[in-house]
Amino acid sequence: MSLFFSWRMSAIIEGISYIVLLFIAMPMKYIYGMPEAVRLVGSIHGLLFVVFMALLAVVYLRDTMTLKQCVMAFIASVIPFGAFVFDHYIRQRVPA
């Protein structure tokens, strides 16, 4: 398994955790009064985001992706569903 593939999988998993945080945990907190949902999912998402960013830095340092692509990956990671759109984009441009 290549480093680039590992980074892509971390991006997908991080993207899923972001969706769960925004569309499941946040409504549970504000609609049903369950703040522990955000605490748990938010902690998991935070850890996954750190792993994603660390792998992104390594992928950049190994010249797998350009600086522009890395900046685009970061921006996509903070937009809901952005990780999935960016994964489709980057798969076509970077050989695995």
N, C-alpha and C. Protein backbone atom coordinates (compact mmCIF):
# COMPACT_ATOMS: atom_id res chain seq x y z
N MET A 1 0.86 -1.17 0.00
CA MET A 1 0.00 0.00 0.00
C MET A 1 0.90 1.24 0.00
N SER A 2 0.66 2.13 -0.94
CA SER A 2 1.49 3.32 -1.07
C SER A 2 1.09 4.39 -0.06
N LEU A 3 2.01 5.30 0.16
CA LEU A 3 1.74 6.43 1.06
C LEU A 3 0.59 7.27 0.52
N PHE A 4 0.57 7.48 -0.79
CA PHE A 4 -0.49 8.27 -1.40
C PHE A 4 -1.85 7.62 -1.18
N PHE A 5 -1.91 6.30 -1.32
CA PHE A 5 -3.17 5.58 -1.08
C PHE A 5 -3.58 5.73 0.39
N SER A 6 -2.62 5.62 1.30
CA SER A 6 -2.92 5.79 2.73
C SER A 6 -3.47 7.19 3.00
N TRP A 7 -2.87 8.19 2.37
CA TRP A 7 -3.36 9.56 2.54
C TRP A 7 -4.78 9.69 2.00
N ARG A 8 -5.04 9.12 0.82
CA ARG A 8 -6.39 9.19 0.24
C ARG A 8 -7.41 8.54 1.16
N MET A 9 -7.07 7.39 1.72
CA MET A 9 -8.01 6.71 2.63
C MET A 9 -8.22 7.55 3.89
N SER A 10 -7.16 8.19 4.39
CA SER A 10 -7.34 9.04 5.57
C SER A 10 -8.24 10.22 5.24
N ALA A 11 -8.14 10.73 4.02
CA ALA A 11 -9.00 11.85 3.60
C ALA A 11 -10.47 11.42 3.55
N ILE A 12 -10.72 10.23 3.03
CA ILE A 12 -12.09 9.73 2.95
C ILE A 12 -12.66 9.49 4.35
N ILE A 13 -11.87 8.86 5.21
CA ILE A 13 -12.34 8.59 6.58
C ILE A 13 -12.57 9.89 7.33
N GLU A 14 -11.65 10.84 7.17
CA GLU A 14 -11.80 12.15 7.82
C GLU A 14 -13.05 12.86 7.28
N GLY A 15 -13.29 12.75 5.98
CA GLY A 15 -14.48 13.35 5.39
C GLY A 15 -15.77 12.75 5.93
N ILE A 16 -15.77 11.44 6.13
CA ILE A 16 -16.94 10.77 6.70
C ILE A 16 -17.15 11.24 8.14
N SER A 17 -16.06 11.35 8.90
CA SER A 17 -16.20 11.79 10.29
C SER A 17 -16.73 13.22 10.36
N TYR A 18 -16.35 14.06 9.40
CA TYR A 18 -16.84 15.44 9.36
C TYR A 18 -18.34 15.47 9.09
N ILE A 19 -18.78 14.64 8.15
CA ILE A 19 -20.21 14.55 7.83
C ILE A 19 -20.99 14.06 9.06
N VAL A 20 -20.46 13.04 9.73
CA VAL A 20 -21.12 12.53 10.94
C VAL A 20 -21.20 13.62 12.01
N LEU A 21 -20.10 14.37 12.17
CA LEU A 21 -20.09 15.45 13.15
C LEU A 21 -21.14 16.51 12.82
N LEU A 22 -21.17 16.95 11.57
CA LEU A 22 -22.08 18.03 11.19
C LEU A 22 -23.55 17.62 11.14
N PHE A 23 -23.81 16.43 10.61
CA PHE A 23 -25.20 16.07 10.32
C PHE A 23 -25.82 15.05 11.27
N ILE A 24 -25.02 14.50 12.17
CA ILE A 24 -25.58 13.59 13.17
C ILE A 24 -25.32 14.11 14.58
N ALA A 25 -24.04 14.34 14.90
CA ALA A 25 -23.69 14.74 16.27
C ALA A 25 -24.20 16.14 16.62
N MET A 26 -24.03 17.10 15.71
CA MET A 26 -24.49 18.47 16.01
C MET A 26 -26.01 18.53 16.21
N PRO A 27 -26.82 17.90 15.35
CA PRO A 27 -28.26 17.89 15.63
C PRO A 27 -28.60 17.18 16.95
N MET A 28 -27.85 16.13 17.28
CA MET A 28 -28.10 15.46 18.55
C MET A 28 -27.84 16.40 19.72
N LYS A 29 -26.83 17.24 19.58
CA LYS A 29 -26.52 18.19 20.65
C LYS A 29 -27.59 19.27 20.76
N TYR A 30 -27.92 19.89 19.64
CA TYR A 30 -28.78 21.07 19.68
C TYR A 30 -30.28 20.75 19.64
N ILE A 31 -30.66 19.63 19.09
CA ILE A 31 -32.08 19.28 19.04
C ILE A 31 -32.47 18.40 20.23
N TYR A 32 -31.61 17.42 20.54
CA TYR A 32 -31.95 16.45 21.59
C TYR A 32 -31.21 16.68 22.90
N GLY A 33 -30.40 17.73 22.97
CA GLY A 33 -29.70 18.04 24.21
C GLY A 33 -28.68 17.00 24.63
N MET A 34 -27.95 16.45 23.66
CA MET A 34 -26.95 15.42 23.95
C MET A 34 -25.56 15.92 23.57
N PRO A 35 -24.95 16.78 24.39
CA PRO A 35 -23.64 17.34 24.04
C PRO A 35 -22.53 16.30 23.98
N GLU A 36 -22.71 15.16 24.63
CA GLU A 36 -21.67 14.13 24.59
C GLU A 36 -21.45 13.58 23.19
N ALA A 37 -22.47 13.67 22.32
CA ALA A 37 -22.31 13.21 20.94
C ALA A 37 -21.25 14.03 20.22
N VAL A 38 -21.30 15.35 20.39
CA VAL A 38 -20.30 16.22 19.76
C VAL A 38 -18.94 16.02 20.40
N ARG A 39 -18.92 15.83 21.70
CA ARG A 39 -17.64 15.62 22.39
C ARG A 39 -16.94 14.37 21.85
N LEU A 40 -17.66 13.28 21.71
CA LEU A 40 -17.09 12.02 21.24
C LEU A 40 -16.71 12.11 19.76
N VAL A 41 -17.68 12.45 18.92
CA VAL A 41 -17.42 12.50 17.48
C VAL A 41 -16.42 13.60 17.15
N GLY A 42 -16.49 14.72 17.86
CA GLY A 42 -15.55 15.81 17.63
C GLY A 42 -14.12 15.41 17.96
N SER A 43 -13.94 14.66 19.03
CA SER A 43 -12.60 14.19 19.39
C SER A 43 -12.05 13.23 18.35
N ILE A 44 -12.89 12.32 17.90
CA ILE A 44 -12.46 11.37 16.87
C ILE A 44 -12.13 12.11 15.58
N HIS A 45 -13.00 13.03 15.18
CA HIS A 45 -12.76 13.80 13.97
C HIS A 45 -11.47 14.62 14.09
N GLY A 46 -11.24 15.21 15.24
CA GLY A 46 -10.01 15.99 15.45
C GLY A 46 -8.77 15.15 15.27
N LEU A 47 -8.76 13.95 15.83
CA LEU A 47 -7.63 13.05 15.68
C LEU A 47 -7.45 12.67 14.21
N LEU A 48 -8.54 12.34 13.54
CA LEU A 48 -8.46 11.97 12.13
C LEU A 48 -7.96 13.13 11.27
N PHE A 49 -8.35 14.36 11.63
CA PHE A 49 -7.89 15.53 10.88
C PHE A 49 -6.38 15.72 11.06
N VAL A 50 -5.88 15.50 12.26
CA VAL A 50 -4.43 15.61 12.50
C VAL A 50 -3.68 14.56 11.68
N VAL A 51 -4.18 13.33 11.66
CA VAL A 51 -3.56 12.27 10.86
C VAL A 51 -3.58 12.65 9.38
N PHE A 52 -4.73 13.13 8.91
CA PHE A 52 -4.87 13.56 7.52
C PHE A 52 -3.84 14.63 7.17
N MET A 53 -3.70 15.65 8.03
CA MET A 53 -2.76 16.74 7.76
C MET A 53 -1.30 16.26 7.81
N ALA A 54 -0.98 15.37 8.73
CA ALA A 54 0.38 14.83 8.82
C ALA A 54 0.72 14.04 7.56
N LEU A 55 -0.20 13.21 7.12
CA LEU A 55 0.03 12.45 5.89
C LEU A 55 0.10 13.37 4.67
N LEU A 56 -0.70 14.42 4.67
CA LEU A 56 -0.65 15.39 3.57
C LEU A 56 0.73 16.03 3.50
N ALA A 57 1.30 16.38 4.64
CA ALA A 57 2.63 16.98 4.68
C ALA A 57 3.68 16.01 4.14
N VAL A 58 3.58 14.75 4.52
CA VAL A 58 4.54 13.75 4.04
C VAL A 58 4.39 13.54 2.54
N VAL A 59 3.16 13.46 2.07
CA VAL A 59 2.91 13.30 0.63
C VAL A 59 3.52 14.48 -0.14
N TYR A 60 3.37 15.68 0.39
CA TYR A 60 3.97 16.86 -0.25
C TYR A 60 5.49 16.79 -0.22
N LEU A 61 6.06 16.45 0.91
CA LEU A 61 7.52 16.41 1.04
C LEU A 61 8.15 15.33 0.17
N ARG A 62 7.41 14.31 -0.14
CA ARG A 62 7.92 13.25 -1.03
C ARG A 62 7.62 13.54 -2.50
N ASP A 63 7.18 14.75 -2.79
CA ASP A 63 6.92 15.21 -4.16
C ASP A 63 5.85 14.40 -4.88
N THR A 64 4.89 13.88 -4.13
CA THR A 64 3.78 13.17 -4.75
C THR A 64 2.73 14.16 -5.26
N MET A 65 2.55 15.26 -4.52
CA MET A 65 1.59 16.29 -4.89
C MET A 65 2.27 17.65 -4.86
N THR A 66 1.75 18.56 -5.67
CA THR A 66 2.28 19.92 -5.69
C THR A 66 1.73 20.71 -4.50
N LEU A 67 2.34 21.86 -4.25
CA LEU A 67 1.85 22.73 -3.17
C LEU A 67 0.41 23.16 -3.46
N LYS A 68 0.13 23.49 -4.71
CA LYS A 68 -1.23 23.90 -5.08
C LYS A 68 -2.24 22.79 -4.78
N GLN A 69 -1.89 21.56 -5.10
CA GLN A 69 -2.79 20.43 -4.83
C GLN A 69 -2.98 20.23 -3.33
N CYS A 70 -1.91 20.43 -2.57
CA CYS A 70 -2.01 20.29 -1.11
C CYS A 70 -2.90 21.37 -0.50
N VAL A 71 -2.77 22.59 -1.00
CA VAL A 71 -3.64 23.67 -0.52
C VAL A 71 -5.10 23.36 -0.88
N MET A 72 -5.31 22.87 -2.09
CA MET A 72 -6.67 22.50 -2.50
C MET A 72 -7.22 21.37 -1.61
N ALA A 73 -6.36 20.42 -1.25
CA ALA A 73 -6.78 19.32 -0.37
C ALA A 73 -7.19 19.85 0.99
N PHE A 74 -6.42 20.80 1.52
CA PHE A 74 -6.76 21.38 2.82
C PHE A 74 -8.10 22.12 2.74
N ILE A 75 -8.27 22.93 1.71
CA ILE A 75 -9.52 23.68 1.56
C ILE A 75 -10.70 22.71 1.42
N ALA A 76 -10.51 21.66 0.62
CA ALA A 76 -11.58 20.67 0.44
C ALA A 76 -11.92 19.97 1.75
N SER A 77 -10.93 19.83 2.62
CA SER A 77 -11.18 19.10 3.88
C SER A 77 -12.06 19.87 4.86
N VAL A 78 -12.19 21.17 4.68
CA VAL A 78 -13.03 21.95 5.59
C VAL A 78 -14.40 22.27 5.00
N ILE A 79 -14.65 21.79 3.81
CA ILE A 79 -15.95 21.95 3.16
C ILE A 79 -16.69 20.60 3.23
N PRO A 80 -17.91 20.59 3.72
CA PRO A 80 -18.64 19.32 3.76
C PRO A 80 -18.70 18.68 2.37
N PHE A 81 -18.39 17.41 2.30
CA PHE A 81 -18.34 16.61 1.08
C PHE A 81 -17.16 16.97 0.17
N GLY A 82 -16.36 17.95 0.56
CA GLY A 82 -15.21 18.38 -0.25
C GLY A 82 -14.17 17.29 -0.42
N ALA A 83 -13.97 16.47 0.60
CA ALA A 83 -12.96 15.41 0.52
C ALA A 83 -13.29 14.42 -0.59
N PHE A 84 -14.57 14.16 -0.79
CA PHE A 84 -14.97 13.19 -1.81
C PHE A 84 -14.80 13.76 -3.21
N VAL A 85 -15.11 15.02 -3.38
CA VAL A 85 -14.92 15.69 -4.67
C VAL A 85 -13.44 15.78 -4.98
N PHE A 86 -12.63 16.16 -3.99
CA PHE A 86 -11.19 16.28 -4.21
C PHE A 86 -10.57 14.92 -4.49
N ASP A 87 -11.04 13.87 -3.85
CA ASP A 87 -10.50 12.53 -4.12
C ASP A 87 -10.70 12.16 -5.58
N HIS A 88 -11.86 12.45 -6.11
CA HIS A 88 -12.12 12.19 -7.53
C HIS A 88 -11.16 12.99 -8.41
N TYR A 89 -10.95 14.25 -8.07
CA TYR A 89 -10.05 15.13 -8.82
C TYR A 89 -8.61 14.62 -8.77
N ILE A 90 -8.12 14.30 -7.59
CA ILE A 90 -6.70 13.97 -7.44
C ILE A 90 -6.36 12.59 -7.99
N ARG A 91 -7.33 11.66 -7.95
CA ARG A 91 -7.09 10.32 -8.51
C ARG A 91 -6.74 10.39 -9.99
N GLN A 92 -7.32 11.35 -10.69
CA GLN A 92 -7.08 11.49 -12.13
C GLN A 92 -5.76 12.16 -12.44
N ARG A 93 -5.14 12.82 -11.46
CA ARG A 93 -3.95 13.61 -11.72
C ARG A 93 -2.66 13.08 -11.11
N VAL A 94 -2.78 12.24 -10.10
CA VAL A 94 -1.59 11.71 -9.44
C VAL A 94 -1.59 10.20 -9.57
N PRO A 95 -0.52 9.64 -10.12
CA PRO A 95 -0.46 8.17 -10.21
C PRO A 95 -0.33 7.55 -8.82
N ALA A 96 -1.07 6.49 -8.59
CA ALA A 96 -1.02 5.81 -7.28
C ALA A 96 0.25 5.09 -7.16
